[in-house]
Amino acid sequence: MQPQYWSIDLLPGLMLNEQKLLKAQGIENTLDLLKQTKTQESKIDLASKLKLHQKHLNKWIALSDLACIPSVGRQYCGLLLHAGIASVLQLAQTPFHRLHSQIIRLQVATIGRKDLTSVSQVKQWVEEAKILSRNKF
């Protein structure tokens, strides 16, 4: 299984001006962002160049990391982040039943629905994260 990378324009939550800032630093897609922020020093440096608080950059990095999982993609990376999952490695180590419960609580609290994400879907996310995390490290 190969990770999936997205144009920076397609990453959820990035405003047009933020996309332009990233592109001005040579970041055209999520792979570019992940490559340029491998170390804490590189994250601090990029946040400084972008004149942004590092928490915004960390959010974009987390979304980029999660979006590389094929079954998660850009459609569900934000949901996982809001459910408390910030990386492929963290997702790989999370029991899928517990994560499914977290997601259901989040969806009920925010949109009043609990039928949007199945246990099998969450299990697939975790399984793919396990495969990708083995290949990454």
N, C-alpha and C. Protein backbone atom coordinates (compact mmCIF):
# COMPACT_ATOMS: atom_id res chain seq x y z
N MET A 1 0.83 -1.17 0.00
CA MET A 1 0.00 0.00 0.00
C MET A 1 0.89 1.24 0.00
N GLN A 2 0.54 2.15 -0.87
CA GLN A 2 1.30 3.40 -0.98
C GLN A 2 0.54 4.53 -0.29
N PRO A 3 1.27 5.41 0.38
CA PRO A 3 0.59 6.58 0.95
C PRO A 3 0.04 7.47 -0.16
N GLN A 4 -0.95 8.25 0.19
CA GLN A 4 -1.59 9.13 -0.78
C GLN A 4 -1.27 10.58 -0.39
N TYR A 5 -0.88 11.39 -1.34
CA TYR A 5 -0.56 12.78 -1.07
C TYR A 5 -1.46 13.69 -1.88
N TRP A 6 -1.76 14.84 -1.32
CA TRP A 6 -2.75 15.75 -1.87
C TRP A 6 -2.14 17.11 -2.17
N SER A 7 -2.70 17.79 -3.16
CA SER A 7 -2.34 19.18 -3.40
C SER A 7 -2.67 19.97 -2.14
N ILE A 8 -1.84 20.92 -1.80
CA ILE A 8 -2.05 21.71 -0.59
C ILE A 8 -3.39 22.45 -0.64
N ASP A 9 -3.88 22.72 -1.85
CA ASP A 9 -5.18 23.38 -2.03
C ASP A 9 -6.33 22.53 -1.51
N LEU A 10 -6.14 21.23 -1.46
CA LEU A 10 -7.21 20.30 -1.08
C LEU A 10 -7.21 19.93 0.39
N LEU A 11 -6.21 20.38 1.14
CA LEU A 11 -6.15 20.07 2.56
C LEU A 11 -7.24 20.86 3.30
N PRO A 12 -8.06 20.20 4.09
CA PRO A 12 -9.17 20.92 4.73
C PRO A 12 -8.68 21.97 5.73
N GLY A 13 -9.40 23.07 5.77
CA GLY A 13 -9.12 24.09 6.77
C GLY A 13 -8.09 25.13 6.40
N LEU A 14 -7.44 25.00 5.26
CA LEU A 14 -6.45 26.00 4.85
C LEU A 14 -7.13 27.08 4.02
N MET A 15 -6.97 28.30 4.45
CA MET A 15 -7.52 29.44 3.72
C MET A 15 -6.62 29.70 2.50
N LEU A 16 -7.15 30.43 1.55
CA LEU A 16 -6.41 30.73 0.32
C LEU A 16 -5.09 31.43 0.61
N ASN A 17 -5.11 32.39 1.54
CA ASN A 17 -3.86 33.10 1.87
C ASN A 17 -2.84 32.17 2.53
N GLU A 18 -3.29 31.20 3.30
CA GLU A 18 -2.39 30.24 3.92
C GLU A 18 -1.80 29.30 2.86
N GLN A 19 -2.61 28.92 1.89
CA GLN A 19 -2.12 28.09 0.79
C GLN A 19 -1.03 28.84 0.02
N LYS A 20 -1.26 30.12 -0.21
CA LYS A 20 -0.27 30.94 -0.93
C LYS A 20 1.03 31.05 -0.14
N LEU A 21 0.93 31.20 1.19
CA LEU A 21 2.12 31.26 2.03
C LEU A 21 2.93 29.97 1.91
N LEU A 22 2.25 28.85 1.96
CA LEU A 22 2.94 27.56 1.85
C LEU A 22 3.57 27.39 0.48
N LYS A 23 2.85 27.76 -0.55
CA LYS A 23 3.39 27.63 -1.91
C LYS A 23 4.59 28.53 -2.12
N ALA A 24 4.59 29.68 -1.47
CA ALA A 24 5.74 30.58 -1.57
C ALA A 24 6.99 29.95 -0.94
N GLN A 25 6.81 28.97 -0.06
CA GLN A 25 7.92 28.25 0.56
C GLN A 25 8.22 26.94 -0.18
N GLY A 26 7.62 26.76 -1.36
CA GLY A 26 7.88 25.55 -2.15
C GLY A 26 7.05 24.36 -1.74
N ILE A 27 5.99 24.59 -1.00
CA ILE A 27 5.14 23.50 -0.53
C ILE A 27 3.89 23.45 -1.40
N GLU A 28 3.88 22.52 -2.33
CA GLU A 28 2.77 22.38 -3.28
C GLU A 28 1.79 21.29 -2.86
N ASN A 29 2.26 20.33 -2.07
CA ASN A 29 1.40 19.22 -1.69
C ASN A 29 1.74 18.75 -0.27
N THR A 30 0.96 17.79 0.21
CA THR A 30 1.13 17.33 1.58
C THR A 30 2.47 16.62 1.79
N LEU A 31 2.98 15.97 0.75
CA LEU A 31 4.30 15.35 0.87
C LEU A 31 5.38 16.41 1.09
N ASP A 32 5.31 17.51 0.35
CA ASP A 32 6.27 18.60 0.53
C ASP A 32 6.23 19.11 1.97
N LEU A 33 5.03 19.28 2.50
CA LEU A 33 4.89 19.78 3.87
C LEU A 33 5.51 18.80 4.87
N LEU A 34 5.24 17.52 4.70
CA LEU A 34 5.79 16.51 5.61
C LEU A 34 7.31 16.44 5.52
N LYS A 35 7.84 16.55 4.30
CA LYS A 35 9.29 16.51 4.12
C LYS A 35 9.97 17.73 4.75
N GLN A 36 9.34 18.89 4.64
CA GLN A 36 9.96 20.11 5.15
C GLN A 36 9.79 20.29 6.65
N THR A 37 9.06 19.39 7.30
CA THR A 37 8.81 19.56 8.74
C THR A 37 9.12 18.28 9.52
N LYS A 38 10.19 17.62 9.15
CA LYS A 38 10.55 16.36 9.80
C LYS A 38 11.07 16.55 11.23
N THR A 39 11.72 17.67 11.49
CA THR A 39 12.29 17.90 12.82
C THR A 39 11.60 19.08 13.49
N GLN A 40 11.75 19.16 14.79
CA GLN A 40 11.18 20.29 15.54
C GLN A 40 11.78 21.61 15.06
N GLU A 41 13.08 21.59 14.79
CA GLU A 41 13.75 22.80 14.31
C GLU A 41 13.18 23.26 12.98
N SER A 42 12.92 22.32 12.08
CA SER A 42 12.37 22.69 10.77
C SER A 42 10.94 23.21 10.90
N LYS A 43 10.19 22.70 11.88
CA LYS A 43 8.83 23.21 12.12
C LYS A 43 8.88 24.64 12.63
N ILE A 44 9.77 24.89 13.57
CA ILE A 44 9.91 26.24 14.12
C ILE A 44 10.35 27.20 13.03
N ASP A 45 11.29 26.77 12.20
CA ASP A 45 11.80 27.60 11.12
C ASP A 45 10.70 27.94 10.11
N LEU A 46 9.92 26.94 9.71
CA LEU A 46 8.86 27.19 8.74
C LEU A 46 7.77 28.08 9.34
N ALA A 47 7.39 27.85 10.57
CA ALA A 47 6.38 28.70 11.21
C ALA A 47 6.85 30.14 11.25
N SER A 48 8.13 30.33 11.52
CA SER A 48 8.71 31.68 11.54
C SER A 48 8.67 32.31 10.15
N LYS A 49 9.04 31.56 9.14
CA LYS A 49 9.00 32.07 7.77
C LYS A 49 7.57 32.43 7.34
N LEU A 50 6.61 31.64 7.79
CA LEU A 50 5.21 31.88 7.44
C LEU A 50 4.57 32.96 8.31
N LYS A 51 5.29 33.35 9.38
CA LYS A 51 4.77 34.31 10.35
C LYS A 51 3.44 33.84 10.95
N LEU A 52 3.45 32.57 11.33
CA LEU A 52 2.27 31.94 11.91
C LEU A 52 2.64 31.29 13.23
N HIS A 53 1.65 31.14 14.09
CA HIS A 53 1.87 30.40 15.33
C HIS A 53 2.09 28.94 14.97
N GLN A 54 2.98 28.30 15.67
CA GLN A 54 3.34 26.92 15.35
C GLN A 54 2.16 25.96 15.47
N LYS A 55 1.17 26.28 16.30
CA LYS A 55 0.02 25.37 16.44
C LYS A 55 -0.73 25.23 15.12
N HIS A 56 -0.78 26.30 14.31
CA HIS A 56 -1.44 26.20 13.01
C HIS A 56 -0.66 25.26 12.09
N LEU A 57 0.65 25.42 12.08
CA LEU A 57 1.49 24.56 11.26
C LEU A 57 1.37 23.11 11.72
N ASN A 58 1.38 22.88 13.03
CA ASN A 58 1.25 21.52 13.56
C ASN A 58 -0.07 20.88 13.13
N LYS A 59 -1.13 21.68 13.09
CA LYS A 59 -2.43 21.16 12.64
C LYS A 59 -2.33 20.73 11.18
N TRP A 60 -1.71 21.54 10.33
CA TRP A 60 -1.59 21.21 8.91
C TRP A 60 -0.72 19.97 8.71
N ILE A 61 0.31 19.84 9.53
CA ILE A 61 1.18 18.66 9.45
C ILE A 61 0.39 17.41 9.83
N ALA A 62 -0.38 17.50 10.91
CA ALA A 62 -1.20 16.36 11.36
C ALA A 62 -2.21 15.97 10.28
N LEU A 63 -2.89 16.96 9.71
CA LEU A 63 -3.85 16.67 8.64
C LEU A 63 -3.17 16.02 7.44
N SER A 64 -1.99 16.52 7.09
CA SER A 64 -1.23 15.96 5.96
C SER A 64 -0.83 14.52 6.23
N ASP A 65 -0.40 14.25 7.46
CA ASP A 65 0.02 12.90 7.83
C ASP A 65 -1.17 11.94 7.76
N LEU A 66 -2.29 12.32 8.36
CA LEU A 66 -3.47 11.46 8.37
C LEU A 66 -4.06 11.28 6.97
N ALA A 67 -4.00 12.33 6.16
CA ALA A 67 -4.57 12.26 4.81
C ALA A 67 -3.81 11.31 3.90
N CYS A 68 -2.61 10.92 4.29
CA CYS A 68 -1.84 10.00 3.43
C CYS A 68 -2.37 8.57 3.53
N ILE A 69 -3.24 8.28 4.48
CA ILE A 69 -3.85 6.95 4.58
C ILE A 69 -4.96 6.89 3.53
N PRO A 70 -4.86 5.96 2.59
CA PRO A 70 -5.81 5.94 1.48
C PRO A 70 -7.29 5.96 1.88
N SER A 71 -7.69 5.20 2.86
CA SER A 71 -9.11 5.16 3.23
C SER A 71 -9.53 6.38 4.06
N VAL A 72 -8.58 7.15 4.54
CA VAL A 72 -8.87 8.36 5.31
C VAL A 72 -8.89 9.55 4.34
N GLY A 73 -7.78 9.75 3.64
CA GLY A 73 -7.69 10.83 2.68
C GLY A 73 -8.03 12.19 3.27
N ARG A 74 -8.37 13.11 2.41
CA ARG A 74 -8.71 14.44 2.88
C ARG A 74 -10.13 14.50 3.43
N GLN A 75 -10.92 13.47 3.13
CA GLN A 75 -12.31 13.46 3.58
C GLN A 75 -12.44 13.25 5.09
N TYR A 76 -11.60 12.40 5.67
CA TYR A 76 -11.75 12.05 7.08
C TYR A 76 -10.59 12.50 7.97
N CYS A 77 -9.54 13.10 7.41
CA CYS A 77 -8.40 13.49 8.24
C CYS A 77 -8.79 14.50 9.32
N GLY A 78 -9.68 15.43 8.99
CA GLY A 78 -10.13 16.41 9.97
C GLY A 78 -10.95 15.77 11.09
N LEU A 79 -11.78 14.81 10.73
CA LEU A 79 -12.56 14.08 11.73
C LEU A 79 -11.65 13.38 12.72
N LEU A 80 -10.63 12.70 12.19
CA LEU A 80 -9.69 12.02 13.08
C LEU A 80 -8.94 13.00 13.98
N LEU A 81 -8.53 14.11 13.42
CA LEU A 81 -7.82 15.11 14.23
C LEU A 81 -8.72 15.63 15.34
N HIS A 82 -9.96 15.91 15.03
CA HIS A 82 -10.90 16.40 16.05
C HIS A 82 -11.24 15.32 17.08
N ALA A 83 -11.05 14.07 16.70
CA ALA A 83 -11.28 12.96 17.64
C ALA A 83 -10.04 12.69 18.49
N GLY A 84 -8.97 13.47 18.29
CA GLY A 84 -7.79 13.33 19.12
C GLY A 84 -6.64 12.56 18.51
N ILE A 85 -6.74 12.19 17.25
CA ILE A 85 -5.68 11.45 16.57
C ILE A 85 -4.87 12.44 15.73
N ALA A 86 -3.56 12.50 15.97
CA ALA A 86 -2.73 13.51 15.31
C ALA A 86 -1.67 12.95 14.37
N SER A 87 -1.62 11.62 14.21
CA SER A 87 -0.61 11.05 13.32
C SER A 87 -0.98 9.64 12.91
N VAL A 88 -0.34 9.19 11.86
CA VAL A 88 -0.52 7.81 11.40
C VAL A 88 -0.09 6.85 12.50
N LEU A 89 1.04 7.12 13.13
CA LEU A 89 1.53 6.24 14.19
C LEU A 89 0.55 6.16 15.36
N GLN A 90 0.00 7.30 15.76
CA GLN A 90 -0.97 7.29 16.86
C GLN A 90 -2.22 6.49 16.46
N LEU A 91 -2.68 6.67 15.24
CA LEU A 91 -3.85 5.93 14.77
C LEU A 91 -3.56 4.43 14.77
N ALA A 92 -2.36 4.04 14.33
CA ALA A 92 -1.98 2.63 14.28
C ALA A 92 -2.00 1.99 15.67
N GLN A 93 -1.77 2.79 16.70
CA GLN A 93 -1.70 2.26 18.06
C GLN A 93 -3.01 2.39 18.83
N THR A 94 -4.05 2.91 18.18
CA THR A 94 -5.33 3.13 18.85
C THR A 94 -6.28 1.97 18.57
N PRO A 95 -6.86 1.38 19.62
CA PRO A 95 -7.85 0.33 19.40
C PRO A 95 -9.06 0.89 18.63
N PHE A 96 -9.45 0.22 17.56
CA PHE A 96 -10.49 0.79 16.69
C PHE A 96 -11.84 0.93 17.37
N HIS A 97 -12.19 0.04 18.29
CA HIS A 97 -13.48 0.18 18.99
C HIS A 97 -13.50 1.45 19.85
N ARG A 98 -12.38 1.73 20.50
CA ARG A 98 -12.30 2.94 21.33
C ARG A 98 -12.38 4.18 20.45
N LEU A 99 -11.67 4.16 19.34
CA LEU A 99 -11.69 5.30 18.42
C LEU A 99 -13.09 5.49 17.84
N HIS A 100 -13.75 4.40 17.49
CA HIS A 100 -15.10 4.51 16.95
C HIS A 100 -16.02 5.18 17.97
N SER A 101 -15.89 4.81 19.23
CA SER A 101 -16.70 5.45 20.28
C SER A 101 -16.42 6.94 20.37
N GLN A 102 -15.14 7.32 20.30
CA GLN A 102 -14.77 8.74 20.33
C GLN A 102 -15.40 9.49 19.15
N ILE A 103 -15.33 8.89 17.99
CA ILE A 103 -15.87 9.53 16.78
C ILE A 103 -17.39 9.69 16.89
N ILE A 104 -18.05 8.67 17.38
CA ILE A 104 -19.51 8.74 17.54
C ILE A 104 -19.87 9.85 18.52
N ARG A 105 -19.16 9.94 19.66
CA ARG A 105 -19.43 11.03 20.62
C ARG A 105 -19.25 12.39 19.96
N LEU A 106 -18.19 12.53 19.18
CA LEU A 106 -17.91 13.78 18.50
C LEU A 106 -19.01 14.12 17.50
N GLN A 107 -19.42 13.16 16.71
CA GLN A 107 -20.46 13.41 15.70
C GLN A 107 -21.81 13.72 16.35
N VAL A 108 -22.14 13.05 17.43
CA VAL A 108 -23.39 13.33 18.13
C VAL A 108 -23.35 14.75 18.71
N ALA A 109 -22.22 15.11 19.31
CA ALA A 109 -22.09 16.44 19.92
C ALA A 109 -22.12 17.56 18.89
N THR A 110 -21.54 17.33 17.72
CA THR A 110 -21.43 18.42 16.75
C THR A 110 -22.57 18.47 15.74
N ILE A 111 -23.05 17.32 15.30
CA ILE A 111 -24.10 17.35 14.28
C ILE A 111 -25.33 16.52 14.65
N GLY A 112 -25.31 15.93 15.83
CA GLY A 112 -26.49 15.20 16.29
C GLY A 112 -26.75 13.88 15.58
N ARG A 113 -25.72 13.29 14.99
CA ARG A 113 -25.87 12.02 14.28
C ARG A 113 -24.82 11.03 14.76
N LYS A 114 -25.21 9.78 14.82
CA LYS A 114 -24.24 8.75 15.22
C LYS A 114 -24.12 7.64 14.20
N ASP A 115 -24.67 7.85 13.02
CA ASP A 115 -24.71 6.79 12.01
C ASP A 115 -23.81 7.08 10.80
N LEU A 116 -22.85 7.98 10.96
CA LEU A 116 -22.05 8.40 9.81
C LEU A 116 -20.77 7.61 9.62
N THR A 117 -20.27 6.98 10.67
CA THR A 117 -19.00 6.26 10.59
C THR A 117 -19.18 4.87 11.19
N SER A 118 -18.89 3.84 10.40
CA SER A 118 -19.09 2.46 10.87
C SER A 118 -17.83 1.95 11.57
N VAL A 119 -18.02 0.92 12.37
CA VAL A 119 -16.89 0.27 13.03
C VAL A 119 -15.93 -0.30 11.99
N SER A 120 -16.46 -0.88 10.92
CA SER A 120 -15.60 -1.47 9.90
C SER A 120 -14.76 -0.40 9.19
N GLN A 121 -15.32 0.77 9.02
CA GLN A 121 -14.59 1.86 8.39
C GLN A 121 -13.42 2.29 9.28
N VAL A 122 -13.68 2.45 10.56
CA VAL A 122 -12.64 2.84 11.50
C VAL A 122 -11.58 1.75 11.60
N LYS A 123 -12.01 0.50 11.58
CA LYS A 123 -11.07 -0.62 11.61
C LYS A 123 -10.15 -0.56 10.40
N GLN A 124 -10.69 -0.26 9.23
CA GLN A 124 -9.88 -0.14 8.02
C GLN A 124 -8.85 0.98 8.17
N TRP A 125 -9.25 2.12 8.73
CA TRP A 125 -8.31 3.23 8.95
C TRP A 125 -7.14 2.77 9.81
N VAL A 126 -7.46 2.08 10.90
CA VAL A 126 -6.42 1.63 11.83
C VAL A 126 -5.51 0.60 11.15
N GLU A 127 -6.09 -0.34 10.42
CA GLU A 127 -5.30 -1.36 9.74
C GLU A 127 -4.36 -0.74 8.70
N GLU A 128 -4.86 0.21 7.92
CA GLU A 128 -4.01 0.87 6.93
C GLU A 128 -2.93 1.70 7.61
N ALA A 129 -3.26 2.32 8.73
CA ALA A 129 -2.27 3.09 9.49
C ALA A 129 -1.16 2.17 9.99
N LYS A 130 -1.52 0.97 10.42
CA LYS A 130 -0.51 0.00 10.88
C LYS A 130 0.44 -0.35 9.74
N ILE A 131 -0.10 -0.58 8.55
CA ILE A 131 0.74 -0.92 7.40
C ILE A 131 1.66 0.24 7.05
N LEU A 132 1.10 1.44 6.98
CA LEU A 132 1.91 2.61 6.62
C LEU A 132 2.95 2.94 7.68
N SER A 133 2.61 2.77 8.94
CA SER A 133 3.56 3.09 10.00
C SER A 133 4.73 2.11 10.00
N ARG A 134 4.48 0.87 9.63
CA ARG A 134 5.59 -0.10 9.51
C ARG A 134 6.52 0.30 8.38
N ASN A 135 5.97 0.81 7.30
CA ASN A 135 6.77 1.22 6.16
C ASN A 135 7.52 2.52 6.40
N LYS A 136 7.00 3.37 7.27
CA LYS A 136 7.63 4.67 7.53
C LYS A 136 8.85 4.56 8.43
N PHE A 137 8.79 3.67 9.39
CA PHE A 137 9.83 3.65 10.42
C PHE A 137 10.70 2.42 10.38
